[in-house]
Amino acid sequence: MAFAEVEKVGALLRDLPCPWFVCGGWALDLFTGRVTRAHKDVDIAVAREDQFTAREYLRRRGWRLEKASGGELSPWADGERLDLPVHAVWCRNEAHDPGFIEILLNEIDGDQFRFRRDESITLARERMCFESSPGLPVLAPEIVLLYASNRPEEYDADFRNVVGSLSGEARAWLGAALHKLSARHPWADGL
C-alpha cells in the first residue's frame, strides 16, 4: 500500500506510447524502497520531443492540461509546442484517482539526458533511469537530486535519505554537476 498512489499513475500511463519516468520525491522513495515523507502529487518526466504524444494520450482520457510558466497556469492549446523555459504541465481529472499529476518535460535526445538549467551537464540515456520493484520506470536519483539542488534547504532531508545508497558512479556524477553549478554547494561535502 505504501506506493499505491504512484502505482495508480503507473497504471494510467502503462499504455503511453513513449518513455516516461516517475521523478521528484516519489522517484527517491522508489529508489530507497520506502516512503520517507508525504507527497503532494506524482511527478512524471517525459522527453520534450514526446510532449505531443503524452498530451494526446492524456487528453483522450479526459485530462485537462495547463502549462505552468512564470508562476501562472494557462491552457495548453492544441498544436502548441512547449519550449524552454516552459517545462511543467499540470494535469487534472476529477474522475481519476489521483486526480492530479505533473508532467515535467526533460531534455532527452537519442542517447543522453541534458540538464535543462545547464545543458552541458549530461548523462548517458542508459544511466538516466531504473525500474523500481513495483515495475515502474524511474528517473535516476542523482538527476532528481540535481533538480532539487536549487533549493537545498527544502530538500536536504531527501538528499540525506538517498545519498548513502547512491553508487560511487552516481555520487561522482552528482558531485561534478553540483560543482559546475556552484563551487560551494552545501551538499558537496556529503558526497
N, C-alpha and C. Protein backbone atom coordinates (compact mmCIF):
# COMPACT_ATOMS: atom_id res chain seq x y z
N MET A 1 0.81 -1.20 0.00
CA MET A 1 0.00 0.00 0.00
C MET A 1 0.86 1.27 0.00
N ALA A 2 2.13 1.19 0.38
CA ALA A 2 2.96 2.38 0.52
C ALA A 2 3.07 3.17 -0.78
N PHE A 3 3.14 2.47 -1.90
CA PHE A 3 3.32 3.13 -3.19
C PHE A 3 2.03 3.14 -4.02
N ALA A 4 0.89 2.99 -3.38
CA ALA A 4 -0.38 2.86 -4.10
C ALA A 4 -0.65 4.05 -5.02
N GLU A 5 -0.41 5.27 -4.54
CA GLU A 5 -0.72 6.44 -5.36
C GLU A 5 0.12 6.47 -6.64
N VAL A 6 1.40 6.23 -6.51
CA VAL A 6 2.26 6.26 -7.69
C VAL A 6 1.99 5.05 -8.60
N GLU A 7 1.60 3.94 -8.02
CA GLU A 7 1.25 2.77 -8.84
C GLU A 7 -0.02 3.03 -9.64
N LYS A 8 -0.97 3.80 -9.10
CA LYS A 8 -2.18 4.16 -9.86
C LYS A 8 -1.81 5.01 -11.07
N VAL A 9 -0.88 5.92 -10.89
CA VAL A 9 -0.42 6.73 -12.03
C VAL A 9 0.30 5.83 -13.03
N GLY A 10 1.06 4.88 -12.54
CA GLY A 10 1.73 3.93 -13.42
C GLY A 10 0.73 3.15 -14.25
N ALA A 11 -0.39 2.75 -13.64
CA ALA A 11 -1.43 2.03 -14.38
C ALA A 11 -2.05 2.93 -15.45
N LEU A 12 -2.25 4.20 -15.12
CA LEU A 12 -2.78 5.15 -16.09
C LEU A 12 -1.86 5.28 -17.30
N LEU A 13 -0.56 5.30 -17.06
CA LEU A 13 0.42 5.55 -18.14
C LEU A 13 0.96 4.27 -18.77
N ARG A 14 0.49 3.14 -18.34
CA ARG A 14 1.02 1.85 -18.82
C ARG A 14 1.07 1.77 -20.34
N ASP A 15 0.06 2.30 -21.02
CA ASP A 15 0.00 2.20 -22.48
C ASP A 15 0.47 3.46 -23.20
N LEU A 16 1.03 4.41 -22.46
CA LEU A 16 1.57 5.62 -23.09
C LEU A 16 2.65 5.20 -24.08
N PRO A 17 2.51 5.56 -25.37
CA PRO A 17 3.44 5.05 -26.38
C PRO A 17 4.75 5.83 -26.50
N CYS A 18 5.27 6.30 -25.37
CA CYS A 18 6.59 6.91 -25.34
C CYS A 18 7.17 6.67 -23.95
N PRO A 19 8.48 6.75 -23.80
CA PRO A 19 9.07 6.54 -22.48
C PRO A 19 8.62 7.62 -21.50
N TRP A 20 8.41 7.22 -20.27
CA TRP A 20 8.07 8.12 -19.17
C TRP A 20 8.73 7.57 -17.92
N PHE A 21 8.91 8.47 -16.92
CA PHE A 21 9.64 8.09 -15.73
C PHE A 21 9.04 8.80 -14.52
N VAL A 22 8.85 8.08 -13.44
CA VAL A 22 8.49 8.71 -12.18
C VAL A 22 9.69 9.58 -11.78
N CYS A 23 9.42 10.81 -11.35
CA CYS A 23 10.50 11.68 -10.90
C CYS A 23 10.09 12.37 -9.61
N GLY A 24 10.83 13.34 -9.16
CA GLY A 24 10.50 14.04 -7.93
C GLY A 24 10.67 13.15 -6.71
N GLY A 25 9.98 13.51 -5.64
CA GLY A 25 10.11 12.79 -4.38
C GLY A 25 9.75 11.33 -4.44
N TRP A 26 8.74 10.99 -5.24
CA TRP A 26 8.37 9.57 -5.37
C TRP A 26 9.52 8.77 -5.98
N ALA A 27 10.27 9.36 -6.90
CA ALA A 27 11.41 8.64 -7.51
C ALA A 27 12.44 8.28 -6.44
N LEU A 28 12.70 9.21 -5.53
CA LEU A 28 13.67 8.93 -4.47
C LEU A 28 13.15 7.86 -3.53
N ASP A 29 11.87 7.89 -3.22
CA ASP A 29 11.30 6.85 -2.35
C ASP A 29 11.31 5.48 -3.04
N LEU A 30 11.02 5.45 -4.34
CA LEU A 30 11.08 4.18 -5.06
C LEU A 30 12.51 3.66 -5.10
N PHE A 31 13.48 4.56 -5.20
CA PHE A 31 14.89 4.16 -5.19
C PHE A 31 15.27 3.52 -3.86
N THR A 32 14.84 4.12 -2.75
CA THR A 32 15.19 3.57 -1.44
C THR A 32 14.28 2.42 -1.02
N GLY A 33 13.12 2.31 -1.69
CA GLY A 33 12.19 1.23 -1.35
C GLY A 33 11.33 1.52 -0.14
N ARG A 34 11.26 2.80 0.27
CA ARG A 34 10.44 3.16 1.42
C ARG A 34 9.94 4.59 1.26
N VAL A 35 8.76 4.85 1.77
CA VAL A 35 8.19 6.19 1.73
C VAL A 35 8.80 6.98 2.89
N THR A 36 9.45 8.10 2.56
CA THR A 36 10.16 8.88 3.57
C THR A 36 9.41 10.14 3.98
N ARG A 37 8.42 10.55 3.20
CA ARG A 37 7.67 11.76 3.51
C ARG A 37 6.37 11.77 2.73
N ALA A 38 5.47 12.68 3.09
CA ALA A 38 4.22 12.86 2.34
C ALA A 38 4.55 13.54 1.01
N HIS A 39 3.79 13.20 -0.01
CA HIS A 39 3.99 13.78 -1.34
C HIS A 39 2.72 14.50 -1.75
N LYS A 40 2.86 15.71 -2.30
CA LYS A 40 1.68 16.47 -2.70
C LYS A 40 1.11 15.99 -4.02
N ASP A 41 1.95 15.33 -4.85
CA ASP A 41 1.48 14.83 -6.14
C ASP A 41 2.49 13.82 -6.68
N VAL A 42 2.19 13.29 -7.85
CA VAL A 42 3.10 12.40 -8.56
C VAL A 42 3.64 13.17 -9.76
N ASP A 43 4.96 13.24 -9.84
CA ASP A 43 5.62 13.91 -10.96
C ASP A 43 6.11 12.86 -11.95
N ILE A 44 5.89 13.16 -13.23
CA ILE A 44 6.29 12.25 -14.30
C ILE A 44 7.17 13.00 -15.29
N ALA A 45 8.32 12.45 -15.60
CA ALA A 45 9.22 13.03 -16.59
C ALA A 45 8.94 12.41 -17.96
N VAL A 46 8.90 13.26 -18.97
CA VAL A 46 8.72 12.84 -20.36
C VAL A 46 9.71 13.65 -21.19
N ALA A 47 10.28 13.05 -22.21
CA ALA A 47 11.17 13.80 -23.09
C ALA A 47 10.38 14.90 -23.79
N ARG A 48 10.98 16.07 -23.90
CA ARG A 48 10.31 17.19 -24.56
C ARG A 48 9.84 16.78 -25.96
N GLU A 49 10.63 15.98 -26.64
CA GLU A 49 10.26 15.56 -28.00
C GLU A 49 9.00 14.69 -28.03
N ASP A 50 8.61 14.15 -26.88
CA ASP A 50 7.40 13.31 -26.79
C ASP A 50 6.20 14.05 -26.21
N GLN A 51 6.28 15.36 -26.10
CA GLN A 51 5.21 16.13 -25.45
C GLN A 51 3.86 15.95 -26.12
N PHE A 52 3.80 15.91 -27.46
CA PHE A 52 2.51 15.79 -28.14
C PHE A 52 1.91 14.39 -27.92
N THR A 53 2.76 13.38 -27.88
CA THR A 53 2.28 12.02 -27.61
C THR A 53 1.65 11.95 -26.23
N ALA A 54 2.33 12.50 -25.23
CA ALA A 54 1.80 12.49 -23.86
C ALA A 54 0.53 13.33 -23.77
N ARG A 55 0.53 14.48 -24.43
CA ARG A 55 -0.63 15.37 -24.39
C ARG A 55 -1.87 14.68 -24.94
N GLU A 56 -1.74 14.08 -26.11
CA GLU A 56 -2.90 13.43 -26.73
C GLU A 56 -3.37 12.23 -25.93
N TYR A 57 -2.44 11.47 -25.40
CA TYR A 57 -2.78 10.30 -24.59
C TYR A 57 -3.65 10.71 -23.39
N LEU A 58 -3.23 11.75 -22.69
CA LEU A 58 -3.99 12.19 -21.52
C LEU A 58 -5.29 12.88 -21.91
N ARG A 59 -5.27 13.70 -22.93
CA ARG A 59 -6.50 14.38 -23.37
C ARG A 59 -7.58 13.38 -23.77
N ARG A 60 -7.20 12.31 -24.48
CA ARG A 60 -8.18 11.28 -24.88
C ARG A 60 -8.80 10.60 -23.66
N ARG A 61 -8.14 10.67 -22.53
CA ARG A 61 -8.64 10.05 -21.30
C ARG A 61 -9.30 11.07 -20.38
N GLY A 62 -9.59 12.26 -20.89
CA GLY A 62 -10.36 13.24 -20.14
C GLY A 62 -9.57 14.17 -19.24
N TRP A 63 -8.26 14.23 -19.39
CA TRP A 63 -7.44 15.10 -18.54
C TRP A 63 -7.39 16.51 -19.12
N ARG A 64 -7.47 17.51 -18.23
CA ARG A 64 -7.27 18.92 -18.60
C ARG A 64 -5.81 19.26 -18.36
N LEU A 65 -5.18 19.89 -19.34
CA LEU A 65 -3.74 20.16 -19.25
C LEU A 65 -3.49 21.65 -19.30
N GLU A 66 -2.69 22.12 -18.35
CA GLU A 66 -2.31 23.53 -18.29
C GLU A 66 -0.80 23.63 -18.16
N LYS A 67 -0.23 24.55 -18.94
CA LYS A 67 1.21 24.77 -18.83
C LYS A 67 1.47 25.75 -17.70
N ALA A 68 2.53 25.51 -16.97
CA ALA A 68 2.93 26.39 -15.88
C ALA A 68 4.12 27.20 -16.36
N SER A 69 3.98 28.52 -16.30
CA SER A 69 5.06 29.39 -16.75
C SER A 69 5.01 30.71 -16.01
N GLY A 70 6.14 31.10 -15.44
CA GLY A 70 6.21 32.37 -14.73
C GLY A 70 5.24 32.48 -13.57
N GLY A 71 4.96 31.36 -12.90
CA GLY A 71 4.05 31.37 -11.78
C GLY A 71 2.57 31.41 -12.16
N GLU A 72 2.28 31.28 -13.45
CA GLU A 72 0.90 31.32 -13.94
C GLU A 72 0.57 30.01 -14.65
N LEU A 73 -0.71 29.65 -14.62
CA LEU A 73 -1.21 28.50 -15.37
C LEU A 73 -2.05 29.01 -16.52
N SER A 74 -1.88 28.38 -17.68
CA SER A 74 -2.73 28.70 -18.83
C SER A 74 -2.96 27.43 -19.64
N PRO A 75 -4.09 27.36 -20.36
CA PRO A 75 -4.38 26.15 -21.13
C PRO A 75 -3.28 25.84 -22.13
N TRP A 76 -3.04 24.56 -22.30
CA TRP A 76 -2.08 24.11 -23.31
C TRP A 76 -2.88 23.93 -24.59
N ALA A 77 -2.73 24.83 -25.52
CA ALA A 77 -3.53 24.85 -26.75
C ALA A 77 -3.15 23.71 -27.70
N ASP A 78 -4.13 23.26 -28.47
CA ASP A 78 -3.88 22.23 -29.49
C ASP A 78 -2.76 22.70 -30.41
N GLY A 79 -1.81 21.82 -30.67
CA GLY A 79 -0.72 22.11 -31.59
C GLY A 79 0.37 23.00 -31.04
N GLU A 80 0.21 23.51 -29.81
CA GLU A 80 1.21 24.39 -29.22
C GLU A 80 2.40 23.58 -28.71
N ARG A 81 3.59 23.89 -29.22
CA ARG A 81 4.81 23.23 -28.74
C ARG A 81 5.35 24.01 -27.55
N LEU A 82 5.66 23.28 -26.48
CA LEU A 82 6.20 23.90 -25.28
C LEU A 82 7.73 23.82 -25.33
N ASP A 83 8.36 24.97 -25.42
CA ASP A 83 9.81 25.06 -25.44
C ASP A 83 10.28 25.69 -24.14
N LEU A 84 11.57 25.55 -23.84
CA LEU A 84 12.13 26.18 -22.65
C LEU A 84 11.88 27.68 -22.69
N PRO A 85 11.57 28.30 -21.60
CA PRO A 85 11.73 27.79 -20.23
C PRO A 85 10.53 26.98 -19.71
N VAL A 86 9.46 26.84 -20.49
CA VAL A 86 8.30 26.07 -20.03
C VAL A 86 8.69 24.60 -19.95
N HIS A 87 8.45 24.00 -18.80
CA HIS A 87 8.77 22.58 -18.64
C HIS A 87 7.74 21.82 -17.81
N ALA A 88 6.78 22.52 -17.19
CA ALA A 88 5.82 21.85 -16.31
C ALA A 88 4.41 21.95 -16.87
N VAL A 89 3.71 20.82 -16.83
CA VAL A 89 2.31 20.75 -17.26
C VAL A 89 1.50 20.14 -16.12
N TRP A 90 0.48 20.88 -15.68
CA TRP A 90 -0.41 20.40 -14.63
C TRP A 90 -1.55 19.65 -15.31
N CYS A 91 -1.81 18.45 -14.85
CA CYS A 91 -2.83 17.58 -15.45
C CYS A 91 -3.87 17.25 -14.39
N ARG A 92 -5.15 17.53 -14.72
CA ARG A 92 -6.23 17.31 -13.75
C ARG A 92 -7.35 16.48 -14.38
N ASN A 93 -7.90 15.58 -13.54
CA ASN A 93 -9.04 14.77 -13.96
C ASN A 93 -9.75 14.32 -12.68
N GLU A 94 -10.85 14.96 -12.35
CA GLU A 94 -11.57 14.64 -11.11
C GLU A 94 -12.10 13.21 -11.09
N ALA A 95 -12.25 12.60 -12.27
CA ALA A 95 -12.77 11.23 -12.33
C ALA A 95 -11.68 10.19 -12.07
N HIS A 96 -10.45 10.62 -11.94
CA HIS A 96 -9.33 9.71 -11.75
C HIS A 96 -8.81 9.82 -10.32
N ASP A 97 -8.21 8.76 -9.82
CA ASP A 97 -7.57 8.78 -8.52
C ASP A 97 -6.12 8.33 -8.69
N PRO A 98 -5.14 9.19 -8.47
CA PRO A 98 -5.26 10.59 -8.07
C PRO A 98 -5.72 11.46 -9.23
N GLY A 99 -6.33 12.58 -8.91
CA GLY A 99 -6.89 13.48 -9.92
C GLY A 99 -5.94 14.55 -10.40
N PHE A 100 -4.67 14.50 -9.95
CA PHE A 100 -3.68 15.49 -10.37
C PHE A 100 -2.33 14.81 -10.54
N ILE A 101 -1.67 15.07 -11.66
CA ILE A 101 -0.27 14.68 -11.86
C ILE A 101 0.43 15.86 -12.54
N GLU A 102 1.72 15.89 -12.40
CA GLU A 102 2.51 16.93 -13.06
C GLU A 102 3.46 16.26 -14.04
N ILE A 103 3.39 16.70 -15.28
CA ILE A 103 4.31 16.22 -16.31
C ILE A 103 5.45 17.24 -16.40
N LEU A 104 6.67 16.76 -16.31
CA LEU A 104 7.85 17.61 -16.41
C LEU A 104 8.60 17.24 -17.68
N LEU A 105 8.69 18.19 -18.59
CA LEU A 105 9.36 17.96 -19.87
C LEU A 105 10.87 18.03 -19.66
N ASN A 106 11.56 17.01 -20.14
CA ASN A 106 13.00 16.90 -19.96
C ASN A 106 13.69 16.92 -21.31
N GLU A 107 14.93 17.39 -21.28
CA GLU A 107 15.74 17.47 -22.49
C GLU A 107 16.46 16.13 -22.64
N ILE A 108 15.86 15.22 -23.39
CA ILE A 108 16.41 13.88 -23.59
C ILE A 108 16.45 13.66 -25.09
N ASP A 109 17.64 13.41 -25.61
CA ASP A 109 17.71 13.10 -27.03
C ASP A 109 17.96 11.61 -27.18
N GLY A 110 18.35 11.19 -28.36
CA GLY A 110 18.51 9.76 -28.63
C GLY A 110 19.43 9.03 -27.67
N ASP A 111 20.49 9.68 -27.21
CA ASP A 111 21.44 8.94 -26.38
C ASP A 111 21.80 9.59 -25.05
N GLN A 112 21.22 10.75 -24.75
CA GLN A 112 21.55 11.32 -23.44
C GLN A 112 20.51 12.29 -22.89
N PHE A 113 20.59 12.41 -21.59
CA PHE A 113 19.82 13.38 -20.83
C PHE A 113 20.65 14.64 -20.73
N ARG A 114 19.99 15.80 -20.87
CA ARG A 114 20.65 17.10 -20.70
C ARG A 114 19.90 17.87 -19.63
N PHE A 115 20.63 18.36 -18.65
CA PHE A 115 20.05 19.12 -17.55
C PHE A 115 19.56 20.46 -18.09
N ARG A 116 18.28 20.76 -17.92
CA ARG A 116 17.71 21.94 -18.57
C ARG A 116 18.30 23.25 -18.07
N ARG A 117 18.80 23.30 -16.85
CA ARG A 117 19.37 24.56 -16.34
C ARG A 117 20.80 24.80 -16.81
N ASP A 118 21.45 23.75 -17.29
CA ASP A 118 22.79 23.86 -17.87
C ASP A 118 22.97 22.63 -18.76
N GLU A 119 22.68 22.80 -20.04
CA GLU A 119 22.66 21.64 -20.95
C GLU A 119 24.03 21.04 -21.21
N SER A 120 25.09 21.64 -20.66
CA SER A 120 26.41 20.99 -20.76
C SER A 120 26.53 19.85 -19.74
N ILE A 121 25.60 19.79 -18.78
CA ILE A 121 25.56 18.68 -17.82
C ILE A 121 24.70 17.58 -18.44
N THR A 122 25.32 16.47 -18.75
CA THR A 122 24.63 15.38 -19.43
C THR A 122 24.84 14.06 -18.69
N LEU A 123 24.00 13.10 -19.03
CA LEU A 123 24.13 11.74 -18.51
C LEU A 123 23.66 10.80 -19.61
N ALA A 124 24.42 9.73 -19.83
CA ALA A 124 24.05 8.77 -20.87
C ALA A 124 22.64 8.26 -20.61
N ARG A 125 21.86 8.15 -21.67
CA ARG A 125 20.46 7.73 -21.55
C ARG A 125 20.32 6.39 -20.83
N GLU A 126 21.23 5.47 -21.05
CA GLU A 126 21.10 4.17 -20.39
C GLU A 126 21.32 4.25 -18.88
N ARG A 127 21.87 5.35 -18.39
CA ARG A 127 22.08 5.53 -16.94
C ARG A 127 21.04 6.43 -16.30
N MET A 128 20.14 7.01 -17.09
CA MET A 128 19.23 8.03 -16.56
C MET A 128 17.99 7.46 -15.88
N CYS A 129 17.83 6.15 -15.84
CA CYS A 129 16.62 5.59 -15.23
C CYS A 129 16.88 4.17 -14.73
N PHE A 130 15.93 3.70 -13.94
CA PHE A 130 15.95 2.30 -13.47
C PHE A 130 14.51 1.85 -13.33
N GLU A 131 14.31 0.56 -13.19
CA GLU A 131 12.97 0.02 -12.96
C GLU A 131 12.84 -0.30 -11.48
N SER A 132 11.79 0.24 -10.86
CA SER A 132 11.57 0.02 -9.43
C SER A 132 11.01 -1.38 -9.18
N SER A 133 11.01 -1.78 -7.91
CA SER A 133 10.48 -3.10 -7.59
C SER A 133 9.01 -3.25 -7.95
N PRO A 134 8.17 -2.17 -7.90
CA PRO A 134 6.81 -2.35 -8.41
C PRO A 134 6.74 -2.35 -9.95
N GLY A 135 7.91 -2.26 -10.62
CA GLY A 135 7.93 -2.32 -12.08
C GLY A 135 7.72 -0.98 -12.77
N LEU A 136 7.93 0.12 -12.05
CA LEU A 136 7.74 1.44 -12.64
C LEU A 136 9.06 2.00 -13.15
N PRO A 137 9.05 2.68 -14.29
CA PRO A 137 10.27 3.34 -14.76
C PRO A 137 10.51 4.60 -13.92
N VAL A 138 11.73 4.78 -13.45
CA VAL A 138 12.03 5.85 -12.51
C VAL A 138 13.28 6.61 -12.96
N LEU A 139 13.21 7.94 -12.90
CA LEU A 139 14.36 8.77 -13.22
C LEU A 139 15.44 8.52 -12.17
N ALA A 140 16.69 8.47 -12.59
CA ALA A 140 17.81 8.18 -11.69
C ALA A 140 17.84 9.18 -10.53
N PRO A 141 18.13 8.70 -9.32
CA PRO A 141 18.11 9.59 -8.15
C PRO A 141 19.10 10.73 -8.24
N GLU A 142 20.23 10.53 -8.89
CA GLU A 142 21.20 11.62 -9.00
C GLU A 142 20.65 12.77 -9.85
N ILE A 143 19.81 12.45 -10.84
CA ILE A 143 19.16 13.51 -11.64
C ILE A 143 18.11 14.22 -10.80
N VAL A 144 17.30 13.45 -10.07
CA VAL A 144 16.27 14.04 -9.22
C VAL A 144 16.91 14.97 -8.19
N LEU A 145 18.00 14.53 -7.58
CA LEU A 145 18.68 15.37 -6.60
C LEU A 145 19.28 16.61 -7.25
N LEU A 146 19.79 16.48 -8.46
CA LEU A 146 20.33 17.65 -9.14
C LEU A 146 19.25 18.71 -9.35
N TYR A 147 18.06 18.28 -9.77
CA TYR A 147 16.95 19.23 -9.89
C TYR A 147 16.60 19.85 -8.54
N ALA A 148 16.62 19.06 -7.48
CA ALA A 148 16.27 19.56 -6.15
C ALA A 148 17.36 20.45 -5.56
N SER A 149 18.55 20.40 -6.11
CA SER A 149 19.69 21.12 -5.53
C SER A 149 19.56 22.63 -5.56
N ASN A 150 18.64 23.17 -6.35
CA ASN A 150 18.48 24.62 -6.35
C ASN A 150 17.75 25.11 -5.10
N ARG A 151 17.19 24.18 -4.32
CA ARG A 151 16.56 24.52 -3.04
C ARG A 151 17.05 23.53 -1.98
N PRO A 152 18.35 23.55 -1.67
CA PRO A 152 18.91 22.54 -0.77
C PRO A 152 18.28 22.54 0.62
N GLU A 153 17.88 23.70 1.12
CA GLU A 153 17.28 23.73 2.46
C GLU A 153 15.94 23.00 2.47
N GLU A 154 15.19 23.06 1.37
CA GLU A 154 13.89 22.39 1.29
C GLU A 154 14.04 20.88 1.09
N TYR A 155 15.08 20.48 0.36
CA TYR A 155 15.23 19.07 0.00
C TYR A 155 16.41 18.38 0.68
N ASP A 156 16.94 18.98 1.74
CA ASP A 156 18.07 18.39 2.43
C ASP A 156 17.75 17.01 2.99
N ALA A 157 16.54 16.83 3.52
CA ALA A 157 16.16 15.51 4.06
C ALA A 157 16.13 14.47 2.95
N ASP A 158 15.64 14.84 1.77
CA ASP A 158 15.67 13.91 0.63
C ASP A 158 17.11 13.52 0.30
N PHE A 159 17.98 14.52 0.25
CA PHE A 159 19.40 14.24 -0.04
C PHE A 159 19.97 13.28 0.99
N ARG A 160 19.77 13.57 2.27
CA ARG A 160 20.31 12.71 3.33
C ARG A 160 19.73 11.30 3.29
N ASN A 161 18.45 11.16 2.92
CA ASN A 161 17.82 9.84 2.84
C ASN A 161 18.39 8.98 1.71
N VAL A 162 18.89 9.63 0.67
CA VAL A 162 19.28 8.90 -0.55
C VAL A 162 20.79 8.77 -0.72
N VAL A 163 21.56 9.75 -0.31
CA VAL A 163 22.97 9.81 -0.66
C VAL A 163 23.74 8.55 -0.28
N GLY A 164 23.45 7.95 0.84
CA GLY A 164 24.16 6.75 1.27
C GLY A 164 23.91 5.53 0.39
N SER A 165 22.83 5.56 -0.38
CA SER A 165 22.51 4.43 -1.26
C SER A 165 22.96 4.63 -2.71
N LEU A 166 23.48 5.82 -3.02
CA LEU A 166 23.95 6.07 -4.39
C LEU A 166 25.23 5.28 -4.67
N SER A 167 25.35 4.83 -5.89
CA SER A 167 26.59 4.17 -6.30
C SER A 167 27.72 5.20 -6.35
N GLY A 168 28.95 4.73 -6.37
CA GLY A 168 30.09 5.64 -6.50
C GLY A 168 30.01 6.45 -7.77
N GLU A 169 29.58 5.81 -8.85
CA GLU A 169 29.45 6.50 -10.13
C GLU A 169 28.39 7.60 -10.06
N ALA A 170 27.27 7.33 -9.41
CA ALA A 170 26.20 8.32 -9.27
C ALA A 170 26.66 9.48 -8.39
N ARG A 171 27.37 9.17 -7.31
CA ARG A 171 27.90 10.23 -6.43
C ARG A 171 28.87 11.13 -7.19
N ALA A 172 29.75 10.51 -7.95
CA ALA A 172 30.74 11.28 -8.69
C ALA A 172 30.06 12.19 -9.71
N TRP A 173 29.06 11.67 -10.43
CA TRP A 173 28.36 12.48 -11.43
C TRP A 173 27.65 13.65 -10.75
N LEU A 174 26.93 13.37 -9.65
CA LEU A 174 26.21 14.43 -8.95
C LEU A 174 27.18 15.46 -8.39
N GLY A 175 28.28 15.00 -7.82
CA GLY A 175 29.28 15.93 -7.28
C GLY A 175 29.83 16.85 -8.35
N ALA A 176 30.17 16.29 -9.51
CA ALA A 176 30.70 17.11 -10.61
C ALA A 176 29.65 18.09 -11.11
N ALA A 177 28.41 17.65 -11.21
CA ALA A 177 27.34 18.53 -11.68
C ALA A 177 27.10 19.66 -10.69
N LEU A 178 27.06 19.34 -9.40
CA LEU A 178 26.87 20.38 -8.38
C LEU A 178 28.02 21.38 -8.40
N HIS A 179 29.24 20.88 -8.56
CA HIS A 179 30.40 21.78 -8.61
C HIS A 179 30.32 22.72 -9.81
N LYS A 180 29.83 22.19 -10.92
CA LYS A 180 29.69 23.02 -12.12
C LYS A 180 28.66 24.14 -11.89
N LEU A 181 27.61 23.83 -11.16
CA LEU A 181 26.56 24.82 -10.88
C LEU A 181 26.95 25.79 -9.78
N SER A 182 27.67 25.30 -8.77
CA SER A 182 28.02 26.12 -7.61
C SER A 182 29.22 25.50 -6.92
N ALA A 183 30.34 26.17 -6.97
CA ALA A 183 31.57 25.61 -6.38
C ALA A 183 31.44 25.35 -4.88
N ARG A 184 30.45 25.95 -4.23
CA ARG A 184 30.30 25.78 -2.77
C ARG A 184 28.91 25.28 -2.41
N HIS A 185 28.40 24.32 -3.14
CA HIS A 185 27.06 23.80 -2.84
C HIS A 185 27.08 23.08 -1.49
N PRO A 186 26.04 23.28 -0.66
CA PRO A 186 26.04 22.66 0.68
C PRO A 186 26.01 21.13 0.68
N TRP A 187 25.60 20.52 -0.40
CA TRP A 187 25.58 19.05 -0.43
C TRP A 187 26.92 18.45 -0.83
N ALA A 188 27.83 19.25 -1.36
CA ALA A 188 29.09 18.73 -1.91
C ALA A 188 29.86 17.90 -0.89
N ASP A 189 29.93 18.37 0.35
CA ASP A 189 30.69 17.64 1.37
C ASP A 189 30.06 16.30 1.71
N GLY A 190 28.76 16.15 1.49
CA GLY A 190 28.07 14.90 1.79
C GLY A 190 28.26 13.82 0.75
N LEU A 191 28.91 14.16 -0.36
CA LEU A 191 29.13 13.19 -1.42
C LEU A 191 30.50 12.55 -1.29
